[in-house]
Amino acid sequence: MLTCGNNPIGVCSWSLQMAPQAIRQAMNQLDIRHIHLDLRPWCIEQSAEYLDFIRNADWIISSTMIGFPQEDYTTLDTIRVTGGIVPDSCWDRNKDIFLSAVKVTAELKAKFLSAHIGFIDHRDIEGAQKLLERVRFMADHAGSKGVTLLMETGQETAEQLKQFLEQLNHPALGVNFDPANMILYNQGNPIDAVDVLGPWIRHVHIKDAKRTAVPGTWGSEVTWSQGDVQADRFIKTLRGAGYKGVLAIEREAGDQRLTDIEFAVHWLSQL
C-alpha cells in the first residue's frame, strides 16, 4: 500500500468512471486501498447491487461523498444557482438524499461525508442565514451518527469559508480541501488557504488546474503537478500544517484518467 510520507494515498471512485469491480482491479493495479467513495449510485439511483459490493469490498473508505441531482456545472453562473443545498425548491429532496448518505456512511463505519454545500454569499444576509441553518441541521444529524460533514473548498474564498465555519462552530463540521477548485473557481491561492483553513482540514483531494484568463469562466483541470497548484509547495504546506490524513487523487477531466491517476500515485509515492 503506497503512501506519501505518512499520508496514505487514495483515489476518488467517481474519477475512474468504472463499475465497482473494475475500480477494485484498478486499485489493485495502483497498489492503493483508500477510497473516497461516491454514494450517488445508492442514495440517488437506489442501486442495491452497488451497495452490496461496497459492503464486501476490501477498501478503506477515507470519506464518502454525495452530490445532488439538480446541480448544473455548465458555467459558473449555472452552478451558483443550482449548486449544493442552496435551491429552496430542491431542499426537501436533497435533505432526504443527505440523510440516506449519513445512514450508509455510518453503516460502512466511515468517519467523513463530503459535499459541495453551495456558494456562500455573506452579502446576502437572508440567504447566508438559511444556508447556515441547513448546514447546522446536516452537521447535527451527521454528528449524531458519529460522522463528520466535510464542506469542500472552492466556491468561495478561504476567508469566507472560515467565517462560515466559525459562525457555526460545530464539532461535526470540517473541510475537504481541494486545491484545484480554488483555481477553477478563481477563489484565491490554495497554499495560502491551507494556513487559513488548517484547523478544519480533515481530508484532501489531489487535483490540479490552471486559472482562467477570462474572468467569470471556468479554469481548466490538468494532470497533477502540471498546473497552478504548485504541487511541491502544496504538499510541504500541508505537512507544515500537521495534516496526517489521506491524499485522495481526483481526476474529473481528460480522456486518460487512469493513466493520469497512475502518474499522480507515482509522483506522490516518490516525493
Protein backbone atom coordinates (compact mmCIF):
# COMPACT_ATOMS: atom_id res chain seq x y z
CA MET A 1 0.00 0.00 0.00
CA LEU A 2 1.63 3.23 -1.17
CA THR A 3 1.96 6.37 0.92
CA CYS A 4 3.30 9.90 0.52
CA GLY A 5 5.43 10.15 3.63
CA ASN A 6 2.97 9.49 6.46
CA ASN A 7 -0.08 10.24 4.31
CA PRO A 8 -1.95 7.30 2.74
CA ILE A 9 -2.63 7.70 -0.97
CA GLY A 10 -6.22 7.18 -2.10
CA VAL A 11 -8.44 7.73 -5.10
CA CYS A 12 -11.91 9.18 -5.71
CA SER A 13 -14.16 6.42 -7.00
CA TRP A 14 -16.01 8.64 -9.47
CA SER A 15 -12.77 9.70 -11.14
CA LEU A 16 -12.25 6.21 -12.54
CA GLN A 17 -15.64 6.13 -14.33
CA MET A 18 -15.79 2.37 -13.84
CA ALA A 19 -18.07 -0.26 -12.38
CA PRO A 20 -17.12 -1.27 -8.81
CA GLN A 21 -15.44 -4.50 -9.93
CA ALA A 22 -13.22 -2.55 -12.35
CA ILE A 23 -12.46 0.03 -9.64
CA ARG A 24 -11.20 -2.80 -7.43
CA GLN A 25 -8.96 -4.06 -10.24
CA ALA A 26 -7.60 -0.56 -10.87
CA MET A 27 -6.87 -0.01 -7.18
CA ASN A 28 -5.03 -3.32 -7.01
CA GLN A 29 -3.03 -2.26 -10.05
CA LEU A 30 -2.21 1.07 -8.39
CA ASP A 31 -1.43 -0.61 -5.03
CA ILE A 32 -3.79 1.63 -3.06
CA ARG A 33 -6.61 0.70 -0.67
CA HIS A 34 -8.03 4.06 0.42
CA ILE A 35 -11.04 5.35 -1.48
CA HIS A 36 -13.20 8.47 -1.41
CA LEU A 37 -16.48 6.74 -2.13
CA ASP A 38 -19.30 8.17 -4.24
CA LEU A 39 -22.68 7.34 -2.66
CA ARG A 40 -24.81 8.69 -5.50
CA PRO A 41 -25.35 5.26 -7.13
CA TRP A 42 -27.13 4.21 -3.93
CA CYS A 43 -28.66 7.39 -2.50
CA ILE A 44 -29.96 8.70 -5.84
CA GLU A 45 -30.11 5.70 -8.19
CA GLN A 46 -31.01 3.17 -5.45
CA SER A 47 -28.58 0.54 -6.76
CA ALA A 48 -28.69 -2.25 -4.19
CA GLU A 49 -26.04 -4.14 -6.17
CA TYR A 50 -23.64 -1.21 -5.78
CA LEU A 51 -24.15 -1.06 -2.03
CA ASP A 52 -23.76 -4.83 -1.62
CA PHE A 53 -20.45 -4.72 -3.46
CA ILE A 54 -19.15 -1.84 -1.32
CA ARG A 55 -20.06 -3.65 1.90
CA ASN A 56 -17.92 -6.60 0.86
CA ALA A 57 -15.03 -4.73 -0.76
CA ASP A 58 -11.63 -4.78 0.92
CA TRP A 59 -11.35 -0.99 0.90
CA ILE A 60 -10.53 1.63 3.48
CA ILE A 61 -13.15 4.35 2.99
CA SER A 62 -11.37 7.63 3.75
CA SER A 63 -14.64 9.51 3.22
CA THR A 64 -17.94 9.14 1.42
CA MET A 65 -19.29 11.77 -0.99
CA ILE A 66 -22.74 12.92 -2.06
CA GLY A 67 -23.87 15.29 -4.80
CA PHE A 68 -27.35 16.48 -5.71
CA PRO A 69 -29.38 15.84 -8.90
CA GLN A 70 -30.17 19.46 -9.79
CA GLU A 71 -26.54 20.61 -9.92
CA ASP A 72 -25.56 22.08 -13.30
CA TYR A 73 -21.83 22.68 -13.79
CA THR A 74 -22.14 24.03 -17.35
CA THR A 75 -20.98 27.50 -16.31
CA LEU A 76 -20.07 29.31 -13.11
CA ASP A 77 -23.44 31.06 -13.27
CA THR A 78 -25.43 27.82 -13.54
CA ILE A 79 -23.67 26.13 -10.63
CA ARG A 80 -24.03 29.26 -8.49
CA VAL A 81 -27.81 28.95 -8.87
CA THR A 82 -28.13 25.15 -8.73
CA GLY A 83 -25.25 24.06 -6.51
CA GLY A 84 -25.47 22.10 -3.29
CA ILE A 85 -28.32 22.71 -0.85
CA VAL A 86 -28.95 26.33 -1.88
CA PRO A 87 -32.04 25.90 -4.16
CA ASP A 88 -35.16 26.11 -1.97
CA SER A 89 -37.26 24.03 -4.37
CA CYS A 90 -34.85 21.10 -4.01
CA TRP A 91 -34.21 21.22 -0.27
CA ASP A 92 -36.72 18.56 0.80
CA ARG A 93 -35.42 16.07 -1.77
CA ASN A 94 -31.77 16.93 -1.08
CA LYS A 95 -32.33 16.61 2.67
CA ASP A 96 -33.63 13.07 2.17
CA ILE A 97 -30.63 12.22 -0.03
CA PHE A 98 -28.29 13.56 2.64
CA LEU A 99 -30.00 11.63 5.45
CA SER A 100 -29.67 8.44 3.41
CA ALA A 101 -25.98 9.21 2.79
CA VAL A 102 -25.30 9.69 6.51
CA LYS A 103 -27.04 6.39 7.30
CA VAL A 104 -24.91 4.46 4.79
CA THR A 105 -21.72 6.28 5.82
CA ALA A 106 -22.29 5.24 9.42
CA GLU A 107 -23.10 1.65 8.37
CA LEU A 108 -19.84 1.49 6.44
CA LYS A 109 -18.01 2.83 9.51
CA ALA A 110 -16.59 5.77 7.57
CA LYS A 111 -15.78 8.89 9.57
CA PHE A 112 -16.42 11.56 6.94
CA LEU A 113 -19.09 12.51 4.40
CA SER A 114 -18.18 15.28 1.93
CA ALA A 115 -20.37 17.52 -0.22
CA HIS A 116 -20.42 20.80 -2.08
CA ILE A 117 -22.81 22.83 0.06
CA GLY A 118 -23.16 25.63 -2.49
CA PHE A 119 -21.93 29.20 -2.81
CA ILE A 120 -21.66 31.14 0.45
CA ASP A 121 -22.51 34.81 -0.05
CA HIS A 122 -22.33 36.78 3.21
CA ARG A 123 -23.67 39.87 1.40
CA ASP A 124 -27.00 38.07 1.07
CA ILE A 125 -27.88 38.09 4.77
CA GLU A 126 -31.12 36.11 4.44
CA GLY A 127 -29.60 33.54 2.07
CA ALA A 128 -26.47 33.10 4.19
CA GLN A 129 -28.56 32.60 7.33
CA LYS A 130 -30.71 29.99 5.57
CA LEU A 131 -27.60 28.13 4.39
CA LEU A 132 -26.17 28.33 7.90
CA GLU A 133 -29.30 26.76 9.38
CA ARG A 134 -29.36 23.96 6.79
CA VAL A 135 -25.71 23.10 7.34
CA ARG A 136 -26.24 23.15 11.11
CA PHE A 137 -29.10 20.67 10.66
CA MET A 138 -26.87 18.46 8.49
CA ALA A 139 -23.92 18.60 10.90
CA ASP A 140 -26.21 17.88 13.87
CA HIS A 141 -27.59 14.79 12.18
CA ALA A 142 -24.18 13.60 10.93
CA GLY A 143 -22.67 14.07 14.37
CA SER A 144 -25.46 12.07 16.00
CA LYS A 145 -24.37 9.11 13.84
CA GLY A 146 -20.66 9.53 14.52
CA VAL A 147 -20.00 11.14 11.12
CA THR A 148 -18.30 14.47 10.34
CA LEU A 149 -19.70 16.52 7.46
CA LEU A 150 -16.95 17.94 5.22
CA MET A 151 -17.57 21.08 3.19
CA GLU A 152 -15.50 21.11 0.01
CA THR A 153 -13.40 24.16 -0.81
CA GLY A 154 -13.56 26.26 -3.94
CA GLN A 155 -16.87 28.03 -4.37
CA GLU A 156 -15.84 30.83 -2.01
CA THR A 157 -12.56 32.19 -0.68
CA ALA A 158 -10.84 30.51 2.25
CA GLU A 159 -11.60 33.58 4.41
CA GLN A 160 -15.32 33.38 3.57
CA LEU A 161 -15.42 29.67 4.37
CA LYS A 162 -13.54 30.27 7.62
CA GLN A 163 -16.10 32.90 8.62
CA PHE A 164 -18.92 30.42 7.92
CA LEU A 165 -17.22 27.65 9.93
CA GLU A 166 -16.52 29.99 12.84
CA GLN A 167 -20.16 31.11 12.88
CA LEU A 168 -21.33 27.51 13.13
CA ASN A 169 -18.54 26.37 15.47
CA HIS A 170 -19.74 22.78 15.11
CA PRO A 171 -17.73 19.72 16.22
CA ALA A 172 -19.13 17.58 13.37
CA LEU A 173 -18.14 20.00 10.62
CA GLY A 174 -14.83 20.11 8.74
CA VAL A 175 -13.25 20.71 5.34
CA ASN A 176 -12.46 18.51 2.38
CA PHE A 177 -9.64 20.59 0.90
CA ASP A 178 -9.47 20.61 -2.91
CA PRO A 179 -6.67 22.93 -4.09
CA ALA A 180 -7.69 22.83 -7.75
CA ASN A 181 -11.22 24.02 -7.01
CA MET A 182 -9.88 27.31 -5.68
CA ILE A 183 -8.19 27.82 -9.06
CA LEU A 184 -11.10 26.52 -11.17
CA TYR A 185 -13.50 28.92 -9.42
CA ASN A 186 -10.78 31.61 -9.23
CA GLN A 187 -11.16 31.95 -5.47
CA GLY A 188 -7.64 32.52 -4.25
CA ASN A 189 -4.33 30.75 -3.65
CA PRO A 190 -4.71 27.20 -2.27
CA ILE A 191 -1.36 27.31 -0.48
CA ASP A 192 -2.36 30.40 1.48
CA ALA A 193 -5.74 28.78 2.07
CA VAL A 194 -4.14 25.84 3.92
CA ASP A 195 -2.98 28.26 6.60
CA VAL A 196 -6.44 29.84 6.83
CA LEU A 197 -8.42 26.58 6.97
CA GLY A 198 -5.84 24.32 8.63
CA PRO A 199 -7.81 23.69 11.86
CA TRP A 200 -10.76 22.30 9.85
CA ILE A 201 -8.95 20.23 7.17
CA ARG A 202 -9.87 16.56 7.58
CA HIS A 203 -9.49 15.21 4.03
CA VAL A 204 -7.58 16.37 0.93
CA HIS A 205 -8.05 16.00 -2.82
CA ILE A 206 -5.03 15.75 -5.07
CA LYS A 207 -6.14 17.70 -8.14
CA ASP A 208 -4.53 20.43 -10.25
CA ALA A 209 -5.78 23.16 -12.55
CA LYS A 210 -4.84 26.27 -14.50
CA ARG A 211 -6.53 29.57 -13.74
CA THR A 212 -8.77 31.15 -16.37
CA ALA A 213 -7.63 34.20 -18.33
CA VAL A 214 -11.28 35.26 -18.79
CA PRO A 215 -12.99 36.38 -15.56
CA GLY A 216 -16.32 34.68 -14.96
CA THR A 217 -15.38 31.45 -16.76
CA TRP A 218 -14.03 28.12 -15.58
CA GLY A 219 -10.36 27.42 -15.20
CA SER A 220 -9.14 24.15 -16.72
CA GLU A 221 -8.30 20.97 -14.84
CA VAL A 222 -4.93 19.38 -15.69
CA THR A 223 -2.85 16.39 -14.61
CA TRP A 224 -1.45 16.63 -11.09
CA SER A 225 1.69 18.82 -10.80
CA GLN A 226 1.11 20.37 -14.26
CA GLY A 227 -0.99 23.36 -13.16
CA ASP A 228 -1.09 26.35 -10.80
CA VAL A 229 -1.46 24.48 -7.51
CA GLN A 230 2.35 24.33 -7.14
CA ALA A 231 2.27 20.68 -6.10
CA ASP A 232 5.56 20.52 -4.18
CA ARG A 233 4.78 23.62 -2.12
CA PHE A 234 1.23 22.44 -1.52
CA ILE A 235 2.32 19.10 -0.03
CA LYS A 236 5.01 20.77 2.07
CA THR A 237 2.48 23.31 3.35
CA LEU A 238 0.04 20.54 4.28
CA ARG A 239 2.77 18.76 6.20
CA GLY A 240 3.73 22.01 7.91
CA ALA A 241 0.10 22.41 8.99
CA GLY A 242 0.24 18.96 10.58
CA TYR A 243 -2.08 17.19 8.15
CA LYS A 244 -1.73 13.42 8.51
CA GLY A 245 -4.83 12.23 6.63
CA VAL A 246 -5.46 10.69 3.23
CA LEU A 247 -4.43 12.29 -0.07
CA ALA A 248 -7.27 11.25 -2.41
CA ILE A 249 -6.48 11.67 -6.11
CA GLU A 250 -9.36 13.21 -8.06
CA ARG A 251 -9.39 13.49 -11.86
CA GLU A 252 -12.57 14.84 -13.45
CA ALA A 253 -11.33 15.77 -16.92
CA GLY A 254 -9.33 14.26 -19.76
CA ASP A 255 -9.73 11.02 -21.70
CA GLN A 256 -6.96 9.01 -19.95
CA ARG A 257 -8.00 9.25 -16.33
CA LEU A 258 -6.44 6.01 -15.14
CA THR A 259 -3.10 6.98 -16.69
CA ASP A 260 -3.30 10.44 -15.07
CA ILE A 261 -4.20 8.91 -11.71
CA GLU A 262 -1.31 6.45 -12.00
CA PHE A 263 1.02 9.38 -12.71
CA ALA A 264 -0.21 11.15 -9.55
CA VAL A 265 0.23 8.00 -7.47
CA HIS A 266 3.83 7.67 -8.68
CA TRP A 267 4.52 11.38 -8.08
CA LEU A 268 3.21 11.25 -4.54
CA SER A 269 4.88 7.98 -3.60
CA GLN A 270 8.26 9.23 -4.86
CA LEU A 271 8.10 12.61 -3.13
